[in-house]
Amino acid sequence: MGRTTVAKVSDRYLEERRQEILAAARSVFIEKGYAAATINDIATAAGVAAGSIYRYFPAKADLIAEVALDCFHQDMDRWRSLGIETGSPARALLQLGEETREHFVSGDAHEEAILRLESYLAALREPELRERLNASLVESMGVMASLIADAQEQGEMDATVDAATLSAFFNIFGSGIGTLSVPMKSALDVEGAWGVLMRLVLPLFTFDPTTTPTSEGHTHV
């Protein structure tokens, strides 16, 4: 029993230290960029010896991969949870769109956009990193495509539009705003761009998005 407790404490400590290193790596990559950042920089930010980082991550590429993949996985977890929370895949998509808009307008997405760009640039020269990021991006777009397909099957969205293509369109739009927001920041008219997107996308929904469902399955404004 005692050994089990010690093992659990040890595992928890190792995971906490791992997360501290990842948080430090995230900050350093955002501040200095992947190419300029060193393991020593990350170790200093994390308050650990440089050599101890290799116990958790064999190379700097593993660090950028983990912090970037964490962004993708958080997105996918949120998309899945929205489908459950709303009880409607189409309304989940609308809620996702609103949350994303607010994320960009508030500026909260700025650091994440930098981090994603740094990971993409690093992947150009790191084949293994490129494979890991590509697999996660494909999975991410697949999750959204499934949400769209479910909405189409339930009669909530136009079924003549290919779900995978629409998912790619949404991701391209979001990535484009994220990329442009890095140099332009508040000068980028996110609200205007989002308004155009809504004019293009809302006709794909088979219900009035301004209404909300009631417990009886009907809707009210």
Foldseek 3Di string as FASTA:
>chain_A
DVVVVVVVVVVVVVVVLLVLLLVLLLVQCLVPNLVPDDLCSSCVSSVHDSVVVCVPPVDSLRSLLVNLLVVLVVLLVQLVVLCVVQVALVLSVVVSLVVLLCCQQVLVCQSVLSSNVSLVVVCVVPVVSVVSVVVSVVVSLVSQLVSVVRNVVVVFFAPVDRSSVVSVVVVVVSNVSSNVCNVCPNVDPSVVVSVVVCVVPVVGTPDDSVWGADPVRHTDD
